[in-house]
Amino acid sequence: MAQPELQSQTQYRKVQMEGITVIGEAVRRIAPEAAEFLIEITASAPNAAQALRDNHAKTTQLAQTLAPLGVQATDLQSISLNVYSLYAPLLQGSAYGTIPQIGQGGFPPYSSTPGIQTSLQPDVQFGAYQARNTVRVNVREPGRVGEVVDATTRAGATVLGGFSFKVSDEAHARRAALDAAGKDARAKAEALATSAGRQVGDAIAITEDIIASNGDYATLRATMPFAFGAGAPRVIGELEYYARVSANFRFQ
C-alpha cells in the first residue's frame, strides 16, 4: 500500500530536478511630478461657531500665502475638520483656579449646618472651543516643496509627517518594473541552463513583489549590496520602483 506514495515522491523529486528557479530584479527610476504633505490648522474661540469662522479665515489666508508658490486653492484639500471643547472645573466657594482645601483624613471639609455641604465640588465651566482642520497640501512643483513648507509654518500651520512624492501614471511605472524583472529572470535562467548544457522551456510558476520608495531602496542597496544583487541604481532622490520576480522554468 505504501508503494504508490513512494513512487509519487520519486516523481516529485524528478520534476524538481528537471527545472530551474531564478530571481529576476529590476529598478525603474522616475522623476517625481508632484509632492504632498499634511498640515493642521487650529483656531480657538469662546464658542464653536467663532472657532470655525476663525479656522476658515486662517485657511483662506494660507491659500493666499501659498498662491505665489504655485499652490492653488484647489490644492488645499481638507480631509478632517473637528471641534473640541476646552473646559476646566469651576470650584464652588472659591475663586477660579485656586487649590481646594482638604480636611482631616483627606476628606473635604463640611459645614456644621446639617444638610449643607460646603465642600468644593467641581462644575463644568466651558472656557473655549478649538477647531482643528487637517489639510492635504498638493505641490505641483516638487522642487519648491521646501519653500511651501516654510511659508506654511510661517502662516501658523503645523506640518504633520513627511513628504510624499508621486507621479501621474504610477501603474505604468509598476508594470514597466515587473516586465523588466521578468525578462531578467528569463535571461538568468537561459544563462544557467546553457552552462549546464540544457535549454529553458516554459515558466511553470512565477511570484512577484514590488516596492515603491523615495530613494530608500538605493540607500539600502548602497549599504548592503550583497543583500540585493548587482545593478544598484546610482541616482538617489527619484521615485524608485523595485520589482523582484521568482520564476521556475521547465527544462526542454
Protein backbone atom coordinates (compact mmCIF):
# COMPACT_ATOMS: atom_id res chain seq x y z
CA MET A 1 0.00 0.00 0.00
CA ALA A 2 2.99 2.33 0.60
CA GLN A 3 4.40 1.81 -2.91
CA PRO A 4 2.21 4.42 -4.73
CA GLU A 5 3.20 7.06 -2.19
CA LEU A 6 6.89 6.27 -2.63
CA GLN A 7 6.52 6.39 -6.39
CA SER A 8 4.76 9.79 -6.15
CA GLN A 9 7.59 11.19 -4.05
CA THR A 10 10.15 9.94 -6.55
CA GLN A 11 8.31 11.57 -9.43
CA TYR A 12 8.07 14.82 -7.45
CA ARG A 13 11.84 14.87 -6.90
CA LYS A 14 12.35 14.21 -10.60
CA VAL A 15 10.16 17.14 -11.56
CA GLN A 16 12.04 19.35 -9.16
CA MET A 17 15.37 18.34 -10.71
CA GLU A 18 14.11 18.93 -14.26
CA GLY A 19 13.66 22.65 -13.81
CA ILE A 20 15.42 25.78 -12.69
CA THR A 21 14.35 28.55 -10.29
CA VAL A 22 15.81 32.05 -10.59
CA ILE A 23 15.26 35.51 -9.14
CA GLY A 24 14.82 38.43 -11.52
CA GLU A 25 15.26 42.04 -10.37
CA ALA A 26 14.70 45.43 -11.92
CA VAL A 27 14.55 49.07 -10.79
CA ARG A 28 12.76 51.84 -12.64
CA ARG A 29 13.51 55.39 -11.56
CA ILE A 30 11.15 58.25 -12.42
CA ALA A 31 11.42 61.93 -11.56
CA PRO A 32 8.54 62.93 -9.26
CA GLU A 33 5.90 65.12 -10.84
CA ALA A 34 4.22 66.34 -7.63
CA ALA A 35 4.54 66.22 -3.86
CA GLU A 36 2.12 66.34 -0.96
CA PHE A 37 2.15 66.61 2.82
CA LEU A 38 -0.33 67.09 5.66
CA ILE A 39 -0.76 70.15 7.86
CA GLU A 40 -3.04 71.09 10.74
CA ILE A 41 -4.66 74.49 11.16
CA THR A 42 -6.03 75.32 14.62
CA ALA A 43 -8.12 78.20 15.93
CA SER A 44 -9.57 78.82 19.41
CA ALA A 45 -12.56 80.97 20.36
CA PRO A 46 -15.12 81.33 23.19
CA ASN A 47 -17.73 79.43 21.15
CA ALA A 48 -17.72 76.76 18.45
CA ALA A 49 -19.14 78.98 15.70
CA GLN A 50 -16.42 81.57 16.16
CA ALA A 51 -13.72 78.89 16.28
CA LEU A 52 -14.91 77.52 12.93
CA ARG A 53 -15.01 81.00 11.40
CA ASP A 54 -11.51 81.77 12.60
CA ASN A 55 -10.24 78.46 11.27
CA HIS A 56 -11.77 79.14 7.89
CA ALA A 57 -10.16 82.59 7.86
CA LYS A 58 -6.76 81.09 8.63
CA THR A 59 -7.19 78.52 5.86
CA THR A 60 -8.12 81.23 3.37
CA GLN A 61 -5.14 83.32 4.43
CA LEU A 62 -2.84 80.32 3.99
CA ALA A 63 -4.16 79.74 0.47
CA GLN A 64 -3.37 83.35 -0.40
CA THR A 65 0.11 82.99 1.04
CA LEU A 66 0.89 79.84 -0.98
CA ALA A 67 -0.57 81.09 -4.27
CA PRO A 68 2.68 82.81 -5.41
CA LEU A 69 4.48 79.48 -4.91
CA GLY A 70 2.25 77.67 -7.40
CA VAL A 71 -0.14 76.14 -4.87
CA GLN A 72 -3.70 76.81 -5.95
CA ALA A 73 -6.75 76.92 -3.71
CA THR A 74 -7.85 73.53 -5.06
CA ASP A 75 -4.50 72.08 -3.99
CA LEU A 76 -5.53 72.51 -0.34
CA GLN A 77 -7.85 69.61 0.43
CA SER A 78 -9.43 69.39 3.86
CA ILE A 79 -9.58 65.76 4.98
CA SER A 80 -10.93 66.30 8.51
CA LEU A 81 -12.42 69.17 10.50
CA ASN A 82 -13.18 68.74 14.19
CA VAL A 83 -14.23 70.99 17.05
CA TYR A 84 -13.10 70.30 20.61
CA SER A 85 -14.40 71.88 23.80
CA LEU A 86 -11.72 73.03 26.19
CA TYR A 87 -13.06 73.24 29.74
CA ALA A 88 -11.82 73.42 33.31
CA PRO A 89 -13.60 72.69 36.61
CA LEU A 90 -15.08 75.71 38.37
CA LEU A 91 -14.89 75.20 42.13
CA GLN A 92 -17.81 76.37 44.25
CA GLY A 93 -16.99 78.68 47.15
CA SER A 94 -13.59 79.61 45.79
CA ALA A 95 -12.07 81.66 43.06
CA TYR A 96 -11.41 80.03 39.70
CA GLY A 97 -8.10 78.29 39.64
CA THR A 98 -7.49 78.12 43.41
CA ILE A 99 -6.46 74.92 45.15
CA PRO A 100 -9.27 73.14 47.07
CA GLN A 101 -8.86 72.72 50.83
CA ILE A 102 -8.56 69.20 52.25
CA GLY A 103 -9.94 68.37 55.74
CA GLN A 104 -8.86 65.76 58.25
CA GLY A 105 -8.33 62.28 56.91
CA GLY A 106 -8.03 63.59 53.38
CA PHE A 107 -11.75 64.42 53.05
CA PRO A 108 -13.13 67.84 52.04
CA PRO A 109 -14.39 69.95 54.94
CA TYR A 110 -18.16 70.05 55.62
CA SER A 111 -20.28 72.78 57.08
CA SER A 112 -21.53 72.45 60.64
CA THR A 113 -25.01 73.24 59.40
CA PRO A 114 -26.92 70.00 58.81
CA GLY A 115 -27.80 69.26 55.20
CA ILE A 116 -25.47 71.91 53.81
CA GLN A 117 -22.26 70.79 52.23
CA THR A 118 -19.62 73.42 51.63
CA SER A 119 -17.03 71.17 50.09
CA LEU A 120 -15.54 72.29 46.79
CA GLN A 121 -17.49 70.39 44.15
CA PRO A 122 -16.32 70.80 40.54
CA ASP A 123 -18.76 72.10 37.98
CA VAL A 124 -18.08 72.10 34.24
CA GLN A 125 -17.19 75.59 33.07
CA PHE A 126 -16.75 75.79 29.32
CA GLY A 127 -13.96 78.22 28.59
CA ALA A 128 -13.12 77.84 24.89
CA TYR A 129 -13.54 75.78 21.74
CA GLN A 130 -10.81 74.75 19.35
CA ALA A 131 -11.33 73.94 15.67
CA ARG A 132 -8.71 71.70 14.05
CA ASN A 133 -8.54 71.34 10.29
CA THR A 134 -6.27 68.68 8.77
CA VAL A 135 -5.39 69.68 5.21
CA ARG A 136 -3.54 67.88 2.42
CA VAL A 137 -1.26 70.25 0.53
CA ASN A 138 -0.52 69.30 -3.08
CA VAL A 139 2.63 70.86 -4.53
CA ARG A 140 2.66 70.88 -8.32
CA GLU A 141 6.39 71.68 -8.46
CA PRO A 142 8.28 69.15 -6.28
CA GLY A 143 11.38 71.32 -6.30
CA ARG A 144 9.55 74.01 -4.34
CA VAL A 145 8.21 71.81 -1.58
CA GLY A 146 10.72 73.28 0.88
CA GLU A 147 9.55 76.82 0.15
CA VAL A 148 5.94 75.76 0.57
CA VAL A 149 6.68 74.16 3.94
CA ASP A 150 8.47 77.29 5.15
CA ALA A 151 5.59 79.52 4.09
CA THR A 152 3.09 77.14 5.69
CA THR A 153 4.80 77.18 9.08
CA ARG A 154 5.22 80.96 8.99
CA ALA A 155 1.47 81.22 8.43
CA GLY A 156 0.88 79.37 11.73
CA ALA A 157 0.07 75.86 10.48
CA THR A 158 1.70 72.69 11.80
CA VAL A 159 3.28 70.20 9.40
CA LEU A 160 2.27 66.58 10.09
CA GLY A 161 4.69 63.88 9.00
CA GLY A 162 6.93 63.92 5.96
CA PHE A 163 6.60 64.45 2.23
CA SER A 164 5.11 62.04 -0.29
CA PHE A 165 6.28 62.32 -3.90
CA LYS A 166 4.21 60.88 -6.72
CA VAL A 167 3.86 60.53 -10.48
CA SER A 168 0.79 60.86 -12.65
CA ASP A 169 0.88 57.28 -14.01
CA GLU A 170 2.19 55.07 -11.22
CA ALA A 171 0.57 51.94 -12.68
CA HIS A 172 2.70 52.23 -15.83
CA ALA A 173 5.87 52.53 -13.73
CA ARG A 174 4.97 49.40 -11.77
CA ARG A 175 4.22 47.42 -14.94
CA ALA A 176 7.50 48.50 -16.51
CA ALA A 177 9.46 47.37 -13.45
CA LEU A 178 7.70 44.00 -13.36
CA ASP A 179 8.22 43.46 -17.09
CA ALA A 180 11.94 44.19 -16.75
CA ALA A 181 12.24 41.87 -13.74
CA GLY A 182 10.51 39.09 -15.68
CA LYS A 183 12.93 39.50 -18.58
CA ASP A 184 15.84 39.49 -16.15
CA ALA A 185 14.62 36.21 -14.68
CA ARG A 186 14.34 34.64 -18.15
CA ALA A 187 17.84 35.80 -19.09
CA LYS A 188 19.30 34.36 -15.90
CA ALA A 189 17.52 31.05 -16.44
CA GLU A 190 18.80 30.80 -20.02
CA ALA A 191 22.36 31.60 -18.97
CA LEU A 192 22.33 28.98 -16.21
CA ALA A 193 20.71 26.39 -18.42
CA THR A 194 23.28 26.95 -21.19
CA SER A 195 26.12 26.48 -18.73
CA ALA A 196 24.57 23.13 -17.80
CA GLY A 197 24.07 22.09 -21.43
CA ARG A 198 20.30 22.41 -21.26
CA GLN A 199 17.62 24.65 -22.74
CA VAL A 200 14.91 26.52 -20.90
CA GLY A 201 11.29 25.79 -21.62
CA ASP A 202 8.10 27.44 -20.39
CA ALA A 203 7.72 29.02 -16.99
CA ILE A 204 5.63 26.83 -14.69
CA ALA A 205 5.46 29.15 -11.63
CA ILE A 206 6.04 32.86 -11.10
CA THR A 207 5.73 35.03 -8.00
CA GLU A 208 6.30 38.77 -7.87
CA ASP A 209 6.86 41.59 -5.42
CA ILE A 210 7.29 45.31 -5.99
CA ILE A 211 8.38 48.15 -3.69
CA ALA A 212 7.94 51.86 -4.36
CA SER A 213 10.09 54.31 -2.42
CA ASN A 214 11.57 57.81 -2.48
CA GLY A 215 15.18 56.69 -2.71
CA ASP A 216 15.14 54.32 0.27
CA TYR A 217 15.93 51.33 -1.94
CA ALA A 218 19.05 52.99 -3.31
CA THR A 219 20.24 53.84 0.19
CA LEU A 220 19.76 50.27 1.43
CA ARG A 221 21.37 48.90 -1.72
CA ALA A 222 24.45 51.08 -1.15
CA THR A 223 24.88 49.92 2.47
CA MET A 224 24.04 46.24 1.84
CA PRO A 225 24.93 45.48 -1.81
CA PHE A 226 25.14 41.71 -1.34
CA ALA A 227 21.59 41.58 0.02
CA PHE A 228 20.07 42.92 -3.20
CA GLY A 229 22.32 41.69 -6.00
CA ALA A 230 24.04 43.53 -8.83
CA GLY A 231 22.98 46.62 -10.72
CA ALA A 232 22.45 49.08 -7.88
CA PRO A 233 20.95 52.37 -9.04
CA ARG A 234 23.26 55.36 -8.72
CA VAL A 235 20.67 58.13 -8.61
CA ILE A 236 19.10 58.99 -5.24
CA GLY A 237 16.15 61.30 -4.80
CA GLU A 238 13.93 59.99 -7.57
CA LEU A 239 10.94 57.72 -7.22
CA GLU A 240 12.10 54.13 -7.42
CA TYR A 241 10.08 51.04 -8.28
CA TYR A 242 11.94 47.87 -7.36
CA ALA A 243 10.47 44.65 -8.74
CA ARG A 244 11.52 41.15 -7.71
CA VAL A 245 10.30 38.08 -9.60
CA SER A 246 10.84 34.44 -8.63
CA ALA A 247 10.31 32.18 -11.62
CA ASN A 248 10.53 28.43 -12.10
CA PHE A 249 11.26 27.24 -15.65
CA ARG A 250 10.98 23.72 -17.04
CA PHE A 251 13.91 22.27 -18.97
CA GLN A 252 13.17 21.29 -22.53
